[in-house]
């Protein structure tokens, strides 16, 4: 799995655009897997710090318990509606996926202002996928720019 810092080195332009979109608001939508394998959507706060992607959660929250059991996670930015008169002006939306690793080290938790005891959860995301979806400059095509671990960067244009 890959750190955010490594993605910034491999695909700096894509990483900067995704970070700009993800940085617009604090709250994101996160998908985890329930015990029975069905999806769970939760609100979450995401922070990009020290070259990593971080998630926090209240102690015992279902999303945290999901991640402890199955660390696969997907995170989606909030997305404003495109201007129908000028769809190219839409900044797009961003998502990333990977595996969440719970951080219990007291020193690491302290860096986030969290108590050393276990009254909350802190996860670092090892990223396996980054996707940015937007409309091209002419407003005619949907452009999906992506990076996947193992296959790298590519761009798909759809009419």
C-alpha atoms as a PDB file:
ATOM      1  CA  UNK A   1       0.000   0.000   0.000  1.00  0.00           C
ATOM      2  CA  UNK A   2       1.039   3.555  -0.619  1.00  0.00           C
ATOM      3  CA  UNK A   3       1.335   6.687   1.511  1.00  0.00           C
ATOM      4  CA  UNK A   4      -0.118   9.983   0.309  1.00  0.00           C
ATOM      5  CA  UNK A   5       3.442  11.350   0.101  1.00  0.00           C
ATOM      6  CA  UNK A   6       4.334   8.617  -2.432  1.00  0.00           C
ATOM      7  CA  UNK A   7       1.273   9.489  -4.517  1.00  0.00           C
ATOM      8  CA  UNK A   8       2.321  13.150  -4.472  1.00  0.00           C
ATOM      9  CA  UNK A   9       5.706  12.059  -5.867  1.00  0.00           C
ATOM     10  CA  UNK A  10       4.286   9.696  -8.514  1.00  0.00           C
ATOM     11  CA  UNK A  11       1.386  11.854  -9.783  1.00  0.00           C
ATOM     12  CA  UNK A  12       1.876  15.346  -8.331  1.00  0.00           C
ATOM     13  CA  UNK A  13      -0.710  17.128 -10.503  1.00  0.00           C
ATOM     14  CA  UNK A  14      -3.444  14.578  -9.772  1.00  0.00           C
ATOM     15  CA  UNK A  15      -2.576  14.543  -6.062  1.00  0.00           C
ATOM     16  CA  UNK A  16      -2.755  18.354  -5.899  1.00  0.00           C
ATOM     17  CA  UNK A  17      -6.170  18.465  -7.596  1.00  0.00           C
ATOM     18  CA  UNK A  18      -7.555  15.695  -5.373  1.00  0.00           C
ATOM     19  CA  UNK A  19      -6.190  17.395  -2.260  1.00  0.00           C
ATOM     20  CA  UNK A  20      -7.769  20.718  -3.328  1.00  0.00           C
ATOM     21  CA  UNK A  21     -11.180  19.066  -3.669  1.00  0.00           C
ATOM     22  CA  UNK A  22     -10.839  16.964  -0.513  1.00  0.00           C
ATOM     23  CA  UNK A  23      -9.701  20.069   1.362  1.00  0.00           C
ATOM     24  CA  UNK A  24     -12.852  22.085   0.595  1.00  0.00           C
ATOM     25  CA  UNK A  25     -14.768  20.719   3.532  1.00  0.00           C
ATOM     26  CA  UNK A  26     -13.959  18.715   6.598  1.00  0.00           C
ATOM     27  CA  UNK A  27     -16.646  16.046   6.201  1.00  0.00           C
ATOM     28  CA  UNK A  28     -16.459  13.199   3.692  1.00  0.00           C
ATOM     29  CA  UNK A  29     -18.437  10.070   3.000  1.00  0.00           C
ATOM     30  CA  UNK A  30     -16.736   6.795   3.867  1.00  0.00           C
ATOM     31  CA  UNK A  31     -17.670   3.270   2.840  1.00  0.00           C
ATOM     32  CA  UNK A  32     -16.760   0.314   5.039  1.00  0.00           C
ATOM     33  CA  UNK A  33     -17.900  -3.292   5.119  1.00  0.00           C
ATOM     34  CA  UNK A  34     -20.254  -4.625   7.769  1.00  0.00           C
ATOM     35  CA  UNK A  35     -19.755  -8.000   9.444  1.00  0.00           C
ATOM     36  CA  UNK A  36     -22.092  -9.612   6.867  1.00  0.00           C
ATOM     37  CA  UNK A  37     -20.149  -8.060   3.958  1.00  0.00           C
ATOM     38  CA  UNK A  38     -22.758  -5.476   3.054  1.00  0.00           C
ATOM     39  CA  UNK A  39     -21.629  -1.849   2.637  1.00  0.00           C
ATOM     40  CA  UNK A  40     -21.953   0.836   5.295  1.00  0.00           C
ATOM     41  CA  UNK A  41     -21.809   4.545   4.422  1.00  0.00           C
ATOM     42  CA  UNK A  42     -20.740   6.913   7.197  1.00  0.00           C
ATOM     43  CA  UNK A  43     -19.742  10.508   7.542  1.00  0.00           C
ATOM     44  CA  UNK A  44     -16.134  11.016   8.548  1.00  0.00           C
ATOM     45  CA  UNK A  45     -13.442  13.633   8.888  1.00  0.00           C
ATOM     46  CA  UNK A  46     -10.310  13.193   6.796  1.00  0.00           C
ATOM     47  CA  UNK A  47      -6.993  14.886   7.374  1.00  0.00           C
ATOM     48  CA  UNK A  48      -3.933  14.945   5.102  1.00  0.00           C
ATOM     49  CA  UNK A  49      -0.964  15.357   7.433  1.00  0.00           C
ATOM     50  CA  UNK A  50       2.693  14.308   7.431  1.00  0.00           C
ATOM     51  CA  UNK A  51       2.333  12.742   3.966  1.00  0.00           C
ATOM     52  CA  UNK A  52      -0.476  10.435   5.077  1.00  0.00           C
ATOM     53  CA  UNK A  53      -4.273  10.244   5.007  1.00  0.00           C
ATOM     54  CA  UNK A  54      -5.859  10.059   8.471  1.00  0.00           C
ATOM     55  CA  UNK A  55      -9.335   9.168   9.776  1.00  0.00           C
ATOM     56  CA  UNK A  56     -10.678   9.557  13.259  1.00  0.00           C
ATOM     57  CA  UNK A  57     -13.685   8.108  15.009  1.00  0.00           C
ATOM     58  CA  UNK A  58     -15.396   8.069  18.367  1.00  0.00           C
ATOM     59  CA  UNK A  59     -14.666   5.001  20.470  1.00  0.00           C
ATOM     60  CA  UNK A  60     -16.872   2.070  19.522  1.00  0.00           C
ATOM     61  CA  UNK A  61     -18.398   3.686  16.410  1.00  0.00           C
ATOM     62  CA  UNK A  62     -19.664   1.098  13.943  1.00  0.00           C
ATOM     63  CA  UNK A  63     -17.403   2.415  11.159  1.00  0.00           C
ATOM     64  CA  UNK A  64     -14.351   1.946  13.412  1.00  0.00           C
ATOM     65  CA  UNK A  65     -15.435  -1.566  14.338  1.00  0.00           C
ATOM     66  CA  UNK A  66     -15.924  -2.276  10.612  1.00  0.00           C
ATOM     67  CA  UNK A  67     -12.366  -1.100   9.896  1.00  0.00           C
ATOM     68  CA  UNK A  68     -10.908  -3.164  12.715  1.00  0.00           C
ATOM     69  CA  UNK A  69     -12.563  -6.267  11.277  1.00  0.00           C
ATOM     70  CA  UNK A  70     -11.974  -5.495   7.565  1.00  0.00           C
ATOM     71  CA  UNK A  71      -9.661  -2.553   6.831  1.00  0.00           C
ATOM     72  CA  UNK A  72     -10.883  -1.908   3.280  1.00  0.00           C
ATOM     73  CA  UNK A  73     -12.219   1.632   2.972  1.00  0.00           C
ATOM     74  CA  UNK A  74     -13.323   4.120   0.310  1.00  0.00           C
ATOM     75  CA  UNK A  75     -13.648   7.861   0.886  1.00  0.00           C
ATOM     76  CA  UNK A  76     -15.560  10.319  -1.307  1.00  0.00           C
ATOM     77  CA  UNK A  77     -15.445  14.105  -1.257  1.00  0.00           C
ATOM     78  CA  UNK A  78     -18.531  16.239  -1.112  1.00  0.00           C
ATOM     79  CA  UNK A  79     -19.384  17.507  -4.571  1.00  0.00           C
ATOM     80  CA  UNK A  80     -21.290  20.597  -5.541  1.00  0.00           C
ATOM     81  CA  UNK A  81     -23.637  20.360  -8.508  1.00  0.00           C
ATOM     82  CA  UNK A  82     -22.060  21.414 -11.816  1.00  0.00           C
ATOM     83  CA  UNK A  83     -23.342  24.620 -13.420  1.00  0.00           C
ATOM     84  CA  UNK A  84     -25.467  23.360 -16.308  1.00  0.00           C
ATOM     85  CA  UNK A  85     -24.613  26.497 -18.315  1.00  0.00           C
ATOM     86  CA  UNK A  86     -20.880  25.941 -17.763  1.00  0.00           C
ATOM     87  CA  UNK A  87     -20.163  22.335 -16.731  1.00  0.00           C
ATOM     88  CA  UNK A  88     -16.425  22.820 -17.331  1.00  0.00           C
ATOM     89  CA  UNK A  89     -16.332  25.178 -14.332  1.00  0.00           C
ATOM     90  CA  UNK A  90     -17.189  22.277 -12.008  1.00  0.00           C
ATOM     91  CA  UNK A  91     -14.178  21.435  -9.853  1.00  0.00           C
ATOM     92  CA  UNK A  92     -15.183  17.780  -9.912  1.00  0.00           C
ATOM     93  CA  UNK A  93     -15.208  15.211  -7.198  1.00  0.00           C
ATOM     94  CA  UNK A  94     -12.509  13.074  -5.685  1.00  0.00           C
ATOM     95  CA  UNK A  95     -12.287   9.699  -4.050  1.00  0.00           C
ATOM     96  CA  UNK A  96      -9.653   7.410  -2.701  1.00  0.00           C
ATOM     97  CA  UNK A  97      -9.583   3.858  -1.438  1.00  0.00           C
ATOM     98  CA  UNK A  98      -7.223   1.636   0.461  1.00  0.00           C
ATOM     99  CA  UNK A  99      -6.748  -0.061   3.789  1.00  0.00           C
ATOM    100  CA  UNK A 100      -7.127   1.617   7.173  1.00  0.00           C
ATOM    101  CA  UNK A 101      -4.487   0.831   9.794  1.00  0.00           C
ATOM    102  CA  UNK A 102      -5.448   1.650  13.362  1.00  0.00           C
ATOM    103  CA  UNK A 103      -2.860   3.718  15.212  1.00  0.00           C
ATOM    104  CA  UNK A 104      -2.635   3.033  18.938  1.00  0.00           C
ATOM    105  CA  UNK A 105       0.842   4.462  19.580  1.00  0.00           C
ATOM    106  CA  UNK A 106       0.439   7.163  22.273  1.00  0.00           C
ATOM    107  CA  UNK A 107       3.018   9.480  20.650  1.00  0.00           C
ATOM    108  CA  UNK A 108       1.278   9.347  17.265  1.00  0.00           C
ATOM    109  CA  UNK A 109      -2.103   9.906  18.905  1.00  0.00           C
ATOM    110  CA  UNK A 110      -0.705  12.893  20.805  1.00  0.00           C
ATOM    111  CA  UNK A 111       0.332  14.533  17.513  1.00  0.00           C
ATOM    112  CA  UNK A 112      -3.392  14.619  16.690  1.00  0.00           C
ATOM    113  CA  UNK A 113      -4.365  15.940  20.096  1.00  0.00           C
ATOM    114  CA  UNK A 114      -5.876  12.598  21.096  1.00  0.00           C
ATOM    115  CA  UNK A 115      -5.495  11.122  24.566  1.00  0.00           C
ATOM    116  CA  UNK A 116      -3.155   8.172  24.927  1.00  0.00           C
ATOM    117  CA  UNK A 117      -5.976   6.031  26.264  1.00  0.00           C
ATOM    118  CA  UNK A 118      -8.464   4.372  23.924  1.00  0.00           C
ATOM    119  CA  UNK A 119     -11.410   6.802  24.055  1.00  0.00           C
ATOM    120  CA  UNK A 120     -11.252   7.324  20.287  1.00  0.00           C
ATOM    121  CA  UNK A 121      -9.889   5.663  17.160  1.00  0.00           C
ATOM    122  CA  UNK A 122      -7.201   6.946  14.801  1.00  0.00           C
ATOM    123  CA  UNK A 123      -6.562   5.288  11.434  1.00  0.00           C
ATOM    124  CA  UNK A 124      -3.929   5.899   8.743  1.00  0.00           C
ATOM    125  CA  UNK A 125      -5.061   5.009   5.225  1.00  0.00           C
ATOM    126  CA  UNK A 126      -2.662   3.068   3.014  1.00  0.00           C
ATOM    127  CA  UNK A 127      -3.892   4.245  -0.383  1.00  0.00           C
ATOM    128  CA  UNK A 128      -4.456   1.865  -3.297  1.00  0.00           C
ATOM    129  CA  UNK A 129      -6.627   4.067  -5.538  1.00  0.00           C
ATOM    130  CA  UNK A 130      -7.135   7.788  -6.235  1.00  0.00           C
ATOM    131  CA  UNK A 131      -9.793   9.065  -8.663  1.00  0.00           C
ATOM    132  CA  UNK A 132     -10.725  12.553  -9.843  1.00  0.00           C
ATOM    133  CA  UNK A 133     -13.842  13.009 -11.990  1.00  0.00           C
ATOM    134  CA  UNK A 134     -14.495  16.299 -13.797  1.00  0.00           C
ATOM    135  CA  UNK A 135     -15.787  17.742 -17.064  1.00  0.00           C
ATOM    136  CA  UNK A 136     -13.331  18.718 -19.810  1.00  0.00           C
ATOM    137  CA  UNK A 137     -12.669  22.346 -20.821  1.00  0.00           C
ATOM    138  CA  UNK A 138     -15.160  22.174 -23.716  1.00  0.00           C
ATOM    139  CA  UNK A 139     -17.866  20.854 -21.408  1.00  0.00           C
ATOM    140  CA  UNK A 140     -18.417  17.844 -23.657  1.00  0.00           C
ATOM    141  CA  UNK A 141     -16.711  14.908 -21.964  1.00  0.00           C
ATOM    142  CA  UNK A 142     -16.519  13.463 -18.509  1.00  0.00           C
ATOM    143  CA  UNK A 143     -12.849  12.998 -17.635  1.00  0.00           C
ATOM    144  CA  UNK A 144     -11.910  10.338 -15.091  1.00  0.00           C
ATOM    145  CA  UNK A 145      -8.285  10.623 -14.017  1.00  0.00           C
ATOM    146  CA  UNK A 146      -7.040   7.840 -11.808  1.00  0.00           C
ATOM    147  CA  UNK A 147      -4.066   6.239 -10.155  1.00  0.00           C
ATOM    148  CA  UNK A 148      -4.128   2.610  -9.021  1.00  0.00           C
ATOM    149  CA  UNK A 149      -1.436   0.855  -7.080  1.00  0.00           C
ATOM    150  CA  UNK A 150       0.407  -1.512  -9.387  1.00  0.00           C
ATOM    151  CA  UNK A 151      -0.944  -0.032 -12.640  1.00  0.00           C
ATOM    152  CA  UNK A 152      -0.223   3.658 -12.186  1.00  0.00           C
ATOM    153  CA  UNK A 153      -1.871   6.665 -13.782  1.00  0.00           C
ATOM    154  CA  UNK A 154      -4.402   6.823 -16.598  1.00  0.00           C
ATOM    155  CA  UNK A 155      -7.136   9.084 -17.948  1.00  0.00           C
ATOM    156  CA  UNK A 156     -10.473   7.981 -19.411  1.00  0.00           C
ATOM    157  CA  UNK A 157     -12.744  10.320 -21.356  1.00  0.00           C
ATOM    158  CA  UNK A 158     -16.457   9.538 -21.689  1.00  0.00           C
ATOM    159  CA  UNK A 159     -19.067  11.271 -23.829  1.00  0.00           C
END
